[in-house]
Amino acid sequence: MDITRSNEDYLEAIMQNERDGSAKSVDVATTLHVSKAAVSIAMNDLAAKGLIEKESYGGIVLTERGREVASSTLSKHRLIRRFLIGIGVTEGTAEVECCKIEHILSEETVDRLSDFCKKNHF
């Protein structure tokens, strides 16, 4: 299954907006600064890939695999943001750049970055 950067962004946004186990499309749209129509298209793609389930009342629920991808992406996001701020990057710049970087790092690099942050108390 090919999980794209866009898929990861949507899964991360769903996880960040979960309330009582599901998220609403409007909240995902607001988080990602996209239209509700764009969210609808993305949700169809995620559902076809088995990463989410759409509930009858409009809620979006992460599947086990969707939750794994979302959790991994969110963890990378937080780690990279912490690292960038730790080396003196402004919070605004760190937030923008970690959103780009989180999609391209290998697990090896993430592990080393995590070790570095722990060692340097970031």
PDB file of N, CA and C in Angstrom:
ATOM      1  N   MET A   1       0.849  -1.177   0.000  1.00  0.00           N
ATOM      2  CA  MET A   1       0.000   0.000   0.000  1.00  0.00           C
ATOM      3  C   MET A   1       0.896   1.242   0.000  1.00  0.00           C
ATOM      4  N   ASP A   2       0.594   2.153  -0.881  1.00  0.00           N
ATOM      5  CA  ASP A   2       1.361   3.383  -1.003  1.00  0.00           C
ATOM      6  C   ASP A   2       0.716   4.483  -0.161  1.00  0.00           C
ATOM      7  N   ILE A   3       1.369   4.827   0.935  1.00  0.00           N
ATOM      8  CA  ILE A   3       0.867   5.896   1.793  1.00  0.00           C
ATOM      9  C   ILE A   3       1.639   7.164   1.449  1.00  0.00           C
ATOM     10  N   THR A   4       0.914   8.167   0.999  1.00  0.00           N
ATOM     11  CA  THR A   4       1.529   9.405   0.548  1.00  0.00           C
ATOM     12  C   THR A   4       1.717  10.387   1.704  1.00  0.00           C
ATOM     13  N   ARG A   5       2.475  11.435   1.424  1.00  0.00           N
ATOM     14  CA  ARG A   5       2.661  12.506   2.404  1.00  0.00           C
ATOM     15  C   ARG A   5       1.305  13.099   2.772  1.00  0.00           C
ATOM     16  N   SER A   6       0.459  13.296   1.770  1.00  0.00           N
ATOM     17  CA  SER A   6      -0.874  13.833   2.007  1.00  0.00           C
ATOM     18  C   SER A   6      -1.677  12.906   2.914  1.00  0.00           C
ATOM     19  N   ASN A   7      -1.607  11.590   2.662  1.00  0.00           N
ATOM     20  CA  ASN A   7      -2.285  10.627   3.535  1.00  0.00           C
ATOM     21  C   ASN A   7      -1.814  10.789   4.975  1.00  0.00           C
ATOM     22  N   GLU A   8      -0.500  10.895   5.157  1.00  0.00           N
ATOM     23  CA  GLU A   8       0.048  11.041   6.506  1.00  0.00           C
ATOM     24  C   GLU A   8      -0.451  12.325   7.169  1.00  0.00           C
ATOM     25  N   ASP A   9      -0.507  13.417   6.404  1.00  0.00           N
ATOM     26  CA  ASP A   9      -1.002  14.684   6.957  1.00  0.00           C
ATOM     27  C   ASP A   9      -2.449  14.553   7.417  1.00  0.00           C
ATOM     28  N   TYR A  10      -3.272  13.917   6.597  1.00  0.00           N
ATOM     29  CA  TYR A  10      -4.682  13.743   6.964  1.00  0.00           C
ATOM     30  C   TYR A  10      -4.829  12.828   8.175  1.00  0.00           C
ATOM     31  N   LEU A  11      -4.085  11.744   8.209  1.00  0.00           N
ATOM     32  CA  LEU A  11      -4.164  10.831   9.352  1.00  0.00           C
ATOM     33  C   LEU A  11      -3.735  11.532  10.643  1.00  0.00           C
ATOM     34  N   GLU A  12      -2.677  12.314  10.550  1.00  0.00           N
ATOM     35  CA  GLU A  12      -2.206  13.078  11.707  1.00  0.00           C
ATOM     36  C   GLU A  12      -3.288  14.068  12.163  1.00  0.00           C
ATOM     37  N   ALA A  13      -3.912  14.752  11.233  1.00  0.00           N
ATOM     38  CA  ALA A  13      -4.966  15.712  11.568  1.00  0.00           C
ATOM     39  C   ALA A  13      -6.175  15.016  12.189  1.00  0.00           C
ATOM     40  N   ILE A  14      -6.512  13.841  11.681  1.00  0.00           N
ATOM     41  CA  ILE A  14      -7.621  13.081  12.267  1.00  0.00           C
ATOM     42  C   ILE A  14      -7.297  12.746  13.715  1.00  0.00           C
ATOM     43  N   MET A  15      -6.096  12.238  13.948  1.00  0.00           N
ATOM     44  CA  MET A  15      -5.701  11.869  15.309  1.00  0.00           C
ATOM     45  C   MET A  15      -5.731  13.086  16.240  1.00  0.00           C
ATOM     46  N   GLN A  16      -5.261  14.213  15.761  1.00  0.00           N
ATOM     47  CA  GLN A  16      -5.225  15.423  16.588  1.00  0.00           C
ATOM     48  C   GLN A  16      -6.629  15.936  16.911  1.00  0.00           C
ATOM     49  N   ASN A  17      -7.605  15.609  16.080  1.00  0.00           N
ATOM     50  CA  ASN A  17      -8.966  16.118  16.254  1.00  0.00           C
ATOM     51  C   ASN A  17      -9.945  15.092  16.796  1.00  0.00           C
ATOM     52  N   GLU A  18      -9.458  13.946  17.217  1.00  0.00           N
ATOM     53  CA  GLU A  18     -10.350  12.911  17.746  1.00  0.00           C
ATOM     54  C   GLU A  18     -11.019  13.367  19.035  1.00  0.00           C
ATOM     55  N   ARG A  19     -12.300  13.122  19.087  1.00  0.00           N
ATOM     56  CA  ARG A  19     -13.092  13.332  20.300  1.00  0.00           C
ATOM     57  C   ARG A  19     -13.961  12.091  20.446  1.00  0.00           C
ATOM     58  N   ASP A  20     -13.845  11.415  21.549  1.00  0.00           N
ATOM     59  CA  ASP A  20     -14.619  10.187  21.778  1.00  0.00           C
ATOM     60  C   ASP A  20     -14.412   9.166  20.669  1.00  0.00           C
ATOM     61  N   GLY A  21     -13.175   9.047  20.176  1.00  0.00           N
ATOM     62  CA  GLY A  21     -12.835   8.004  19.219  1.00  0.00           C
ATOM     63  C   GLY A  21     -13.027   8.329  17.754  1.00  0.00           C
ATOM     64  N   SER A  22     -13.548   9.522  17.452  1.00  0.00           N
ATOM     65  CA  SER A  22     -13.704   9.879  16.046  1.00  0.00           C
ATOM     66  C   SER A  22     -13.447  11.373  15.860  1.00  0.00           C
ATOM     67  N   ALA A  23     -13.221  11.749  14.607  1.00  0.00           N
ATOM     68  CA  ALA A  23     -12.990  13.150  14.267  1.00  0.00           C
ATOM     69  C   ALA A  23     -14.050  13.593  13.270  1.00  0.00           C
ATOM     70  N   LYS A  24     -14.233  14.898  13.177  1.00  0.00           N
ATOM     71  CA  LYS A  24     -15.193  15.459  12.222  1.00  0.00           C
ATOM     72  C   LYS A  24     -14.439  16.061  11.043  1.00  0.00           C
ATOM     73  N   SER A  25     -15.031  15.930   9.862  1.00  0.00           N
ATOM     74  CA  SER A  25     -14.424  16.457   8.644  1.00  0.00           C
ATOM     75  C   SER A  25     -14.128  17.945   8.749  1.00  0.00           C
ATOM     76  N   VAL A  26     -15.032  18.683   9.328  1.00  0.00           N
ATOM     77  CA  VAL A  26     -14.848  20.134   9.420  1.00  0.00           C
ATOM     78  C   VAL A  26     -13.612  20.485  10.255  1.00  0.00           C
ATOM     79  N   ASP A  27     -13.360  19.702  11.308  1.00  0.00           N
ATOM     80  CA  ASP A  27     -12.183  19.949  12.144  1.00  0.00           C
ATOM     81  C   ASP A  27     -10.892  19.615  11.401  1.00  0.00           C
ATOM     82  N   VAL A  28     -10.916  18.534  10.623  1.00  0.00           N
ATOM     83  CA  VAL A  28      -9.758  18.159   9.817  1.00  0.00           C
ATOM     84  C   VAL A  28      -9.482  19.252   8.780  1.00  0.00           C
ATOM     85  N   ALA A  29     -10.544  19.755   8.151  1.00  0.00           N
ATOM     86  CA  ALA A  29     -10.404  20.824   7.159  1.00  0.00           C
ATOM     87  C   ALA A  29      -9.786  22.074   7.783  1.00  0.00           C
ATOM     88  N   THR A  30     -10.249  22.415   8.958  1.00  0.00           N
ATOM     89  CA  THR A  30      -9.721  23.598   9.652  1.00  0.00           C
ATOM     90  C   THR A  30      -8.250  23.412  10.002  1.00  0.00           C
ATOM     91  N   THR A  31      -7.900  22.249  10.515  1.00  0.00           N
ATOM     92  CA  THR A  31      -6.519  21.968  10.900  1.00  0.00           C
ATOM     93  C   THR A  31      -5.572  22.073   9.710  1.00  0.00           C
ATOM     94  N   LEU A  32      -6.000  21.530   8.578  1.00  0.00           N
ATOM     95  CA  LEU A  32      -5.123  21.481   7.401  1.00  0.00           C
ATOM     96  C   LEU A  32      -5.304  22.677   6.459  1.00  0.00           C
ATOM     97  N   HIS A  33      -6.252  23.562   6.800  1.00  0.00           N
ATOM     98  CA  HIS A  33      -6.524  24.743   5.963  1.00  0.00           C
ATOM     99  C   HIS A  33      -6.905  24.335   4.541  1.00  0.00           C
ATOM    100  N   VAL A  34      -7.817  23.370   4.461  1.00  0.00           N
ATOM    101  CA  VAL A  34      -8.323  22.898   3.175  1.00  0.00           C
ATOM    102  C   VAL A  34      -9.848  22.930   3.213  1.00  0.00           C
ATOM    103  N   SER A  35     -10.466  22.744   2.053  1.00  0.00           N
ATOM    104  CA  SER A  35     -11.929  22.744   1.979  1.00  0.00           C
ATOM    105  C   SER A  35     -12.504  21.423   2.474  1.00  0.00           C
ATOM    106  N   LYS A  36     -13.789  21.456   2.824  1.00  0.00           N
ATOM    107  CA  LYS A  36     -14.466  20.214   3.225  1.00  0.00           C
ATOM    108  C   LYS A  36     -14.518  19.240   2.046  1.00  0.00           C
ATOM    109  N   ALA A  37     -14.589  19.769   0.834  1.00  0.00           N
ATOM    110  CA  ALA A  37     -14.586  18.904  -0.352  1.00  0.00           C
ATOM    111  C   ALA A  37     -13.254  18.167  -0.473  1.00  0.00           C
ATOM    112  N   ALA A  38     -12.160  18.859  -0.193  1.00  0.00           N
ATOM    113  CA  ALA A  38     -10.839  18.219  -0.240  1.00  0.00           C
ATOM    114  C   ALA A  38     -10.743  17.122   0.813  1.00  0.00           C
ATOM    115  N   VAL A  39     -11.299  17.373   1.984  1.00  0.00           N
ATOM    116  CA  VAL A  39     -11.306  16.355   3.041  1.00  0.00           C
ATOM    117  C   VAL A  39     -12.113  15.143   2.597  1.00  0.00           C
ATOM    118  N   SER A  40     -13.245  15.370   1.977  1.00  0.00           N
ATOM    119  CA  SER A  40     -14.091  14.280   1.511  1.00  0.00           C
ATOM    120  C   SER A  40     -13.350  13.387   0.514  1.00  0.00           C
ATOM    121  N   ILE A  41     -12.650  14.001  -0.418  1.00  0.00           N
ATOM    122  CA  ILE A  41     -11.867  13.246  -1.399  1.00  0.00           C
ATOM    123  C   ILE A  41     -10.768  12.442  -0.699  1.00  0.00           C
ATOM    124  N   ALA A  42     -10.070  13.101   0.221  1.00  0.00           N
ATOM    125  CA  ALA A  42      -8.991  12.434   0.951  1.00  0.00           C
ATOM    126  C   ALA A  42      -9.525  11.281   1.801  1.00  0.00           C
ATOM    127  N   MET A  43     -10.703  11.463   2.412  1.00  0.00           N
ATOM    128  CA  MET A  43     -11.266  10.405   3.250  1.00  0.00           C
ATOM    129  C   MET A  43     -11.624   9.184   2.404  1.00  0.00           C
ATOM    130  N   ASN A  44     -12.101   9.404   1.199  1.00  0.00           N
ATOM    131  CA  ASN A  44     -12.401   8.277   0.305  1.00  0.00           C
ATOM    132  C   ASN A  44     -11.127   7.503  -0.011  1.00  0.00           C
ATOM    133  N   ASP A  45     -10.029   8.217  -0.240  1.00  0.00           N
ATOM    134  CA  ASP A  45      -8.736   7.567  -0.513  1.00  0.00           C
ATOM    135  C   ASP A  45      -8.263   6.783   0.703  1.00  0.00           C
ATOM    136  N   LEU A  46      -8.346   7.400   1.877  1.00  0.00           N
ATOM    137  CA  LEU A  46      -7.910   6.730   3.105  1.00  0.00           C
ATOM    138  C   LEU A  46      -8.773   5.501   3.408  1.00  0.00           C
ATOM    139  N   ALA A  47     -10.061   5.607   3.159  1.00  0.00           N
ATOM    140  CA  ALA A  47     -10.956   4.467   3.384  1.00  0.00           C
ATOM    141  C   ALA A  47     -10.626   3.334   2.414  1.00  0.00           C
ATOM    142  N   ALA A  48     -10.348   3.673   1.165  1.00  0.00           N
ATOM    143  CA  ALA A  48      -9.999   2.656   0.167  1.00  0.00           C
ATOM    144  C   ALA A  48      -8.701   1.942   0.531  1.00  0.00           C
ATOM    145  N   LYS A  49      -7.814   2.640   1.230  1.00  0.00           N
ATOM    146  CA  LYS A  49      -6.547   2.051   1.659  1.00  0.00           C
ATOM    147  C   LYS A  49      -6.662   1.341   3.008  1.00  0.00           C
ATOM    148  N   GLY A  50      -7.854   1.367   3.588  1.00  0.00           N
ATOM    149  CA  GLY A  50      -8.078   0.683   4.864  1.00  0.00           C
ATOM    150  C   GLY A  50      -7.488   1.415   6.058  1.00  0.00           C
ATOM    151  N   LEU A  51      -7.296   2.724   5.934  1.00  0.00           N
ATOM    152  CA  LEU A  51      -6.677   3.498   7.009  1.00  0.00           C
ATOM    153  C   LEU A  51      -7.696   4.192   7.911  1.00  0.00           C
ATOM    154  N   ILE A  52      -8.912   4.363   7.408  1.00  0.00           N
ATOM    155  CA  ILE A  52     -10.000   4.947   8.205  1.00  0.00           C
ATOM    156  C   ILE A  52     -11.294   4.223   7.899  1.00  0.00           C
ATOM    157  N   GLU A  53     -12.267   4.457   8.757  1.00  0.00           N
ATOM    158  CA  GLU A  53     -13.652   4.063   8.508  1.00  0.00           C
ATOM    159  C   GLU A  53     -14.493   5.302   8.711  1.00  0.00           C
ATOM    160  N   LYS A  54     -15.468   5.489   7.849  1.00  0.00           N
ATOM    161  CA  LYS A  54     -16.390   6.618   7.980  1.00  0.00           C
ATOM    162  C   LYS A  54     -17.662   6.116   8.620  1.00  0.00           C
ATOM    163  N   GLU A  55     -18.029   6.743   9.727  1.00  0.00           N
ATOM    164  CA  GLU A  55     -19.232   6.331  10.433  1.00  0.00           C
ATOM    165  C   GLU A  55     -20.460   6.965   9.784  1.00  0.00           C
ATOM    166  N   SER A  56     -21.614   6.373  10.003  1.00  0.00           N
ATOM    167  CA  SER A  56     -22.850   6.825   9.362  1.00  0.00           C
ATOM    168  C   SER A  56     -23.204   8.267   9.718  1.00  0.00           C
ATOM    169  N   TYR A  57     -22.846   8.725  10.902  1.00  0.00           N
ATOM    170  CA  TYR A  57     -23.170  10.093  11.293  1.00  0.00           C
ATOM    171  C   TYR A  57     -22.073  11.085  10.902  1.00  0.00           C
ATOM    172  N   GLY A  58     -21.099  10.623  10.110  1.00  0.00           N
ATOM    173  CA  GLY A  58     -20.088  11.543   9.597  1.00  0.00           C
ATOM    174  C   GLY A  58     -18.770  11.519  10.333  1.00  0.00           C
ATOM    175  N   GLY A  59     -18.670  10.744  11.383  1.00  0.00           N
ATOM    176  CA  GLY A  59     -17.419  10.666  12.109  1.00  0.00           C
ATOM    177  C   GLY A  59     -16.375   9.883  11.328  1.00  0.00           C
ATOM    178  N   ILE A  60     -15.123  10.207  11.567  1.00  0.00           N
ATOM    179  CA  ILE A  60     -13.997   9.531  10.922  1.00  0.00           C
ATOM    180  C   ILE A  60     -13.238   8.786  12.006  1.00  0.00           C
ATOM    181  N   VAL A  61     -13.056   7.486  11.803  1.00  0.00           N
ATOM    182  CA  VAL A  61     -12.383   6.653  12.790  1.00  0.00           C
ATOM    183  C   VAL A  61     -11.154   6.024  12.152  1.00  0.00           C
ATOM    184  N   LEU A  62     -10.031   6.135  12.828  1.00  0.00           N
ATOM    185  CA  LEU A  62      -8.803   5.507  12.357  1.00  0.00           C
ATOM    186  C   LEU A  62      -8.883   3.998  12.557  1.00  0.00           C
ATOM    187  N   THR A  63      -8.449   3.249  11.556  1.00  0.00           N
ATOM    188  CA  THR A  63      -8.305   1.803  11.731  1.00  0.00           C
ATOM    189  C   THR A  63      -7.009   1.572  12.513  1.00  0.00           C
ATOM    190  N   GLU A  64      -6.756   0.344  12.868  1.00  0.00           N
ATOM    191  CA  GLU A  64      -5.521   0.033  13.592  1.00  0.00           C
ATOM    192  C   GLU A  64      -4.300   0.493  12.786  1.00  0.00           C
ATOM    193  N   ARG A  65      -4.278   0.166  11.499  1.00  0.00           N
ATOM    194  CA  ARG A  65      -3.155   0.574  10.640  1.00  0.00           C
ATOM    195  C   ARG A  65      -3.111   2.096  10.490  1.00  0.00           C
ATOM    196  N   GLY A  66      -4.259   2.731  10.338  1.00  0.00           N
ATOM    197  CA  GLY A  66      -4.315   4.187  10.239  1.00  0.00           C
ATOM    198  C   GLY A  66      -3.781   4.856  11.490  1.00  0.00           C
ATOM    199  N   ARG A  67      -4.117   4.275  12.641  1.00  0.00           N
ATOM    200  CA  ARG A  67      -3.627   4.822  13.919  1.00  0.00           C
ATOM    201  C   ARG A  67      -2.113   4.662  14.029  1.00  0.00           C
ATOM    202  N   GLU A  68      -1.584   3.542  13.552  1.00  0.00           N
ATOM    203  CA  GLU A  68      -0.130   3.339  13.583  1.00  0.00           C
ATOM    204  C   GLU A  68       0.584   4.404  12.742  1.00  0.00           C
ATOM    205  N   VAL A  69       0.084   4.639  11.540  1.00  0.00           N
ATOM    206  CA  VAL A  69       0.697   5.634  10.654  1.00  0.00           C
ATOM    207  C   VAL A  69       0.567   7.026  11.266  1.00  0.00           C
ATOM    208  N   ALA A  70      -0.611   7.363  11.768  1.00  0.00           N
ATOM    209  CA  ALA A  70      -0.834   8.677  12.370  1.00  0.00           C
ATOM    210  C   ALA A  70       0.063   8.892  13.583  1.00  0.00           C
ATOM    211  N   SER A  71       0.157   7.882  14.427  1.00  0.00           N
ATOM    212  CA  SER A  71       0.977   7.982  15.627  1.00  0.00           C
ATOM    213  C   SER A  71       2.454   8.164  15.282  1.00  0.00           C
ATOM    214  N   SER A  72       2.917   7.407  14.309  1.00  0.00           N
ATOM    215  CA  SER A  72       4.308   7.516  13.880  1.00  0.00           C
ATOM    216  C   SER A  72       4.598   8.901  13.313  1.00  0.00           C
ATOM    217  N   THR A  73       3.697   9.398  12.483  1.00  0.00           N
ATOM    218  CA  THR A  73       3.875  10.722  11.879  1.00  0.00           C
ATOM    219  C   THR A  73       3.857  11.804  12.948  1.00  0.00           C
ATOM    220  N   LEU A  74       2.924  11.715  13.880  1.00  0.00           N
ATOM    221  CA  LEU A  74       2.827  12.707  14.946  1.00  0.00           C
ATOM    222  C   LEU A  74       4.056  12.664  15.854  1.00  0.00           C
ATOM    223  N   SER A  75       4.555  11.478  16.143  1.00  0.00           N
ATOM    224  CA  SER A  75       5.772  11.353  16.965  1.00  0.00           C
ATOM    225  C   SER A  75       6.969  11.994  16.269  1.00  0.00           C
ATOM    226  N   LYS A  76       7.108  11.734  14.971  1.00  0.00           N
ATOM    227  CA  LYS A  76       8.194  12.362  14.203  1.00  0.00           C
ATOM    228  C   LYS A  76       8.058  13.872  14.227  1.00  0.00           C
ATOM    229  N   HIS A  77       6.834  14.349  14.037  1.00  0.00           N
ATOM    230  CA  HIS A  77       6.556  15.787  14.043  1.00  0.00           C
ATOM    231  C   HIS A  77       7.035  16.421  15.355  1.00  0.00           C
ATOM    232  N   ARG A  78       6.630  15.828  16.453  1.00  0.00           N
ATOM    233  CA  ARG A  78       6.982  16.380  17.766  1.00  0.00           C
ATOM    234  C   ARG A  78       8.493  16.324  18.018  1.00  0.00           C
ATOM    235  N   LEU A  79       9.125  15.224  17.619  1.00  0.00           N
ATOM    236  CA  LEU A  79      10.566  15.074  17.800  1.00  0.00           C
ATOM    237  C   LEU A  79      11.338  16.103  16.979  1.00  0.00           C
ATOM    238  N   ILE A  80      10.994  16.247  15.724  1.00  0.00           N
ATOM    239  CA  ILE A  80      11.693  17.188  14.849  1.00  0.00           C
ATOM    240  C   ILE A  80      11.475  18.615  15.333  1.00  0.00           C
ATOM    241  N   ARG A  81      10.253  18.918  15.740  1.00  0.00           N
ATOM    242  CA  ARG A  81       9.951  20.266  16.265  1.00  0.00           C
ATOM    243  C   ARG A  81      10.799  20.545  17.504  1.00  0.00           C
ATOM    244  N   ARG A  82      10.867  19.572  18.413  1.00  0.00           N
ATOM    245  CA  ARG A  82      11.666  19.726  19.636  1.00  0.00           C
ATOM    246  C   ARG A  82      13.138  19.941  19.303  1.00  0.00           C
ATOM    247  N   PHE A  83      13.657  19.169  18.363  1.00  0.00           N
ATOM    248  CA  PHE A  83      15.047  19.302  17.935  1.00  0.00           C
ATOM    249  C   PHE A  83      15.303  20.689  17.343  1.00  0.00           C
ATOM    250  N   LEU A  84      14.473  21.106  16.421  1.00  0.00           N
ATOM    251  CA  LEU A  84      14.683  22.394  15.758  1.00  0.00           C
ATOM    252  C   LEU A  84      14.636  23.550  16.758  1.00  0.00           C
ATOM    253  N   ILE A  85      13.684  23.516  17.659  1.00  0.00           N
ATOM    254  CA  ILE A  85      13.606  24.562  18.689  1.00  0.00           C
ATOM    255  C   ILE A  85      14.821  24.477  19.604  1.00  0.00           C
ATOM    256  N   GLY A  86      15.261  23.258  19.898  1.00  0.00           N
ATOM    257  CA  GLY A  86      16.428  23.057  20.753  1.00  0.00           C
ATOM    258  C   GLY A  86      17.708  23.633  20.178  1.00  0.00           C
ATOM    259  N   ILE A  87      17.821  23.679  18.852  1.00  0.00           N
ATOM    260  CA  ILE A  87      19.025  24.234  18.232  1.00  0.00           C
ATOM    261  C   ILE A  87      18.856  25.718  17.888  1.00  0.00           C
ATOM    262  N   GLY A  88      17.733  26.297  18.317  1.00  0.00           N
ATOM    263  CA  GLY A  88      17.563  27.736  18.175  1.00  0.00           C
ATOM    264  C   GLY A  88      16.653  28.224  17.067  1.00  0.00           C
ATOM    265  N   VAL A  89      15.987  27.306  16.381  1.00  0.00           N
ATOM    266  CA  VAL A  89      15.033  27.713  15.338  1.00  0.00           C
ATOM    267  C   VAL A  89      13.787  28.265  16.027  1.00  0.00           C
ATOM    268  N   THR A  90      13.207  29.331  15.480  1.00  0.00           N
ATOM    269  CA  THR A  90      11.997  29.891  16.081  1.00  0.00           C
ATOM    270  C   THR A  90      10.857  28.888  16.005  1.00  0.00           C
ATOM    271  N   GLU A  91       9.899  29.021  16.914  1.00  0.00           N
ATOM    272  CA  GLU A  91       8.786  28.078  16.964  1.00  0.00           C
ATOM    273  C   GLU A  91       7.999  28.056  15.658  1.00  0.00           C
ATOM    274  N   GLY A  92       7.750  29.207  15.079  1.00  0.00           N
ATOM    275  CA  GLY A  92       6.993  29.274  13.828  1.00  0.00           C
ATOM    276  C   GLY A  92       7.700  28.562  12.693  1.00  0.00           C
ATOM    277  N   THR A  93       8.989  28.819  12.554  1.00  0.00           N
ATOM    278  CA  THR A  93       9.771  28.170  11.507  1.00  0.00           C
ATOM    279  C   THR A  93       9.873  26.670  11.769  1.00  0.00           C
ATOM    280  N   ALA A  94      10.084  26.294  13.021  1.00  0.00           N
ATOM    281  CA  ALA A  94      10.183  24.875  13.379  1.00  0.00           C
ATOM    282  C   ALA A  94       8.893  24.140  13.025  1.00  0.00           C
ATOM    283  N   GLU A  95       7.751  24.749  13.294  1.00  0.00           N
ATOM    284  CA  GLU A  95       6.461  24.116  12.999  1.00  0.00           C
ATOM    285  C   GLU A  95       6.289  23.892  11.496  1.00  0.00           C
ATOM    286  N   VAL A  96       6.610  24.890  10.710  1.00  0.00           N
ATOM    287  CA  VAL A  96       6.476  24.776   9.253  1.00  0.00           C
ATOM    288  C   VAL A  96       7.438  23.731   8.697  1.00  0.00           C
ATOM    289  N   GLU A  97       8.673  23.757   9.149  1.00  0.00           N
ATOM    290  CA  GLU A  97       9.678  22.866   8.590  1.00  0.00           C
ATOM    291  C   GLU A  97       9.531  21.422   9.054  1.00  0.00           C
ATOM    292  N   CYS A  98       9.103  21.216  10.291  1.00  0.00           N
ATOM    293  CA  CYS A  98       8.945  19.827  10.735  1.00  0.00           C
ATOM    294  C   CYS A  98       7.815  19.153   9.981  1.00  0.00           C
ATOM    295  N   CYS A  99       6.828  19.916   9.532  1.00  0.00           N
ATOM    296  CA  CYS A  99       5.739  19.336   8.733  1.00  0.00           C
ATOM    297  C   CYS A  99       6.250  18.803   7.399  1.00  0.00           C
ATOM    298  N   LYS A 100       7.314  19.370   6.917  1.00  0.00           N
ATOM    299  CA  LYS A 100       7.905  18.909   5.659  1.00  0.00           C
ATOM    300  C   LYS A 100       8.867  17.744   5.909  1.00  0.00           C
ATOM    301  N   ILE A 101       9.680  17.869   6.939  1.00  0.00           N
ATOM    302  CA  ILE A 101      10.736  16.896   7.220  1.00  0.00           C
ATOM    303  C   ILE A 101      10.179  15.556   7.700  1.00  0.00           C
ATOM    304  N   GLU A 102       9.092  15.569   8.454  1.00  0.00           N
ATOM    305  CA  GLU A 102       8.569  14.354   9.080  1.00  0.00           C
ATOM    306  C   GLU A 102       8.271  13.236   8.090  1.00  0.00           C
ATOM    307  N   HIS A 103       8.066  13.573   6.843  1.00  0.00           N
ATOM    308  CA  HIS A 103       7.670  12.583   5.845  1.00  0.00           C
ATOM    309  C   HIS A 103       8.842  11.883   5.175  1.00  0.00           C
ATOM    310  N   ILE A 104      10.036  12.406   5.337  1.00  0.00           N
ATOM    311  CA  ILE A 104      11.157  11.873   4.555  1.00  0.00           C
ATOM    312  C   ILE A 104      12.223  11.158   5.381  1.00  0.00           C
ATOM    313  N   LEU A 105      12.147  11.260   6.702  1.00  0.00           N
ATOM    314  CA  LEU A 105      13.185  10.662   7.535  1.00  0.00           C
ATOM    315  C   LEU A 105      13.014   9.152   7.687  1.00  0.00           C
ATOM    316  N   SER A 106      14.133   8.455   7.632  1.00  0.00           N
ATOM    317  CA  SER A 106      14.129   7.015   7.880  1.00  0.00           C
ATOM    318  C   SER A 106      13.993   6.752   9.376  1.00  0.00           C
ATOM    319  N   GLU A 107      13.639   5.531   9.714  1.00  0.00           N
ATOM    320  CA  GLU A 107      13.549   5.159  11.132  1.00  0.00           C
ATOM    321  C   GLU A 107      14.916   5.272  11.805  1.00  0.00           C
ATOM    322  N   GLU A 108      15.973   4.951  11.077  1.00  0.00           N
ATOM    323  CA  GLU A 108      17.325   5.080  11.620  1.00  0.00           C
ATOM    324  C   GLU A 108      17.606   6.529  12.010  1.00  0.00           C
ATOM    325  N   THR A 109      17.290   7.446  11.128  1.00  0.00           N
ATOM    326  CA  THR A 109      17.526   8.864  11.411  1.00  0.00           C
ATOM    327  C   THR A 109      16.667   9.329  12.576  1.00  0.00           C
ATOM    328  N   VAL A 110      15.423   8.898  12.618  1.00  0.00           N
ATOM    329  CA  VAL A 110      14.531   9.266  13.732  1.00  0.00           C
ATOM    330  C   VAL A 110      15.096   8.748  15.050  1.00  0.00           C
ATOM    331  N   ASP A 111      15.582   7.525  15.048  1.00  0.00           N
ATOM    332  CA  ASP A 111      16.175   6.958  16.265  1.00  0.00           C
ATOM    333  C   ASP A 111      17.392   7.757  16.726  1.00  0.00           C
ATOM    334  N   ARG A 112      18.267   8.099  15.801  1.00  0.00           N
ATOM    335  CA  ARG A 112      19.467   8.870  16.152  1.00  0.00           C
ATOM    336  C   ARG A 112      19.092  10.273  16.629  1.00  0.00           C
ATOM    337  N   LEU A 113      18.105  10.873  15.992  1.00  0.00           N
ATOM    338  CA  LEU A 113      17.642  12.198  16.389  1.00  0.00           C
ATOM    339  C   LEU A 113      17.047  12.151  17.791  1.00  0.00           C
ATOM    340  N   SER A 114      16.302  11.104  18.077  1.00  0.00           N
ATOM    341  CA  SER A 114      15.730  10.919  19.409  1.00  0.00           C
ATOM    342  C   SER A 114      16.837  10.772  20.446  1.00  0.00           C
ATOM    343  N   ASP A 115      17.836   9.956  20.149  1.00  0.00           N
ATOM    344  CA  ASP A 115      18.980   9.797  21.062  1.00  0.00           C
ATOM    345  C   ASP A 115      19.669  11.124  21.314  1.00  0.00           C
ATOM    346  N   PHE A 116      19.863  11.897  20.244  1.00  0.00           N
ATOM    347  CA  PHE A 116      20.524  13.197  20.350  1.00  0.00           C
ATOM    348  C   PHE A 116      19.728  14.150  21.241  1.00  0.00           C
ATOM    349  N   CYS A 117      18.412  14.164  21.042  1.00  0.00           N
ATOM    350  CA  CYS A 117      17.560  15.054  21.848  1.00  0.00           C
ATOM    351  C   CYS A 117      17.593  14.661  23.320  1.00  0.00           C
ATOM    352  N   LYS A 118      17.579  13.357  23.597  1.00  0.00           N
ATOM    353  CA  LYS A 118      17.642  12.897  24.992  1.00  0.00           C
ATOM    354  C   LYS A 118      18.988  13.269  25.612  1.00  0.00           C
ATOM    355  N   LYS A 119      20.059  13.044  24.870  1.00  0.00           N
ATOM    356  CA  LYS A 119      21.412  13.330  25.368  1.00  0.00           C
ATOM    357  C   LYS A 119      21.585  14.818  25.658  1.00  0.00           C
ATOM    358  N   ASN A 120      20.981  15.641  24.837  1.00  0.00           N
ATOM    359  CA  ASN A 120      21.146  17.091  24.964  1.00  0.00           C
ATOM    360  C   ASN A 120      19.975  17.772  25.685  1.00  0.00           C
ATOM    361  N   HIS A 121      19.100  16.946  26.278  1.00  0.00           N
ATOM    362  CA  HIS A 121      17.972  17.438  27.086  1.00  0.00           C
ATOM    363  C   HIS A 121      17.060  18.386  26.327  1.00  0.00           C
ATOM    364  N   PHE A 122      16.795  18.069  25.068  1.00  0.00           N
ATOM    365  CA  PHE A 122      15.842  18.863  24.267  1.00  0.00           C
ATOM    366  C   PHE A 122      14.460  18.358  24.553  1.00  0.00           C
TER     367      PHE A 122
END
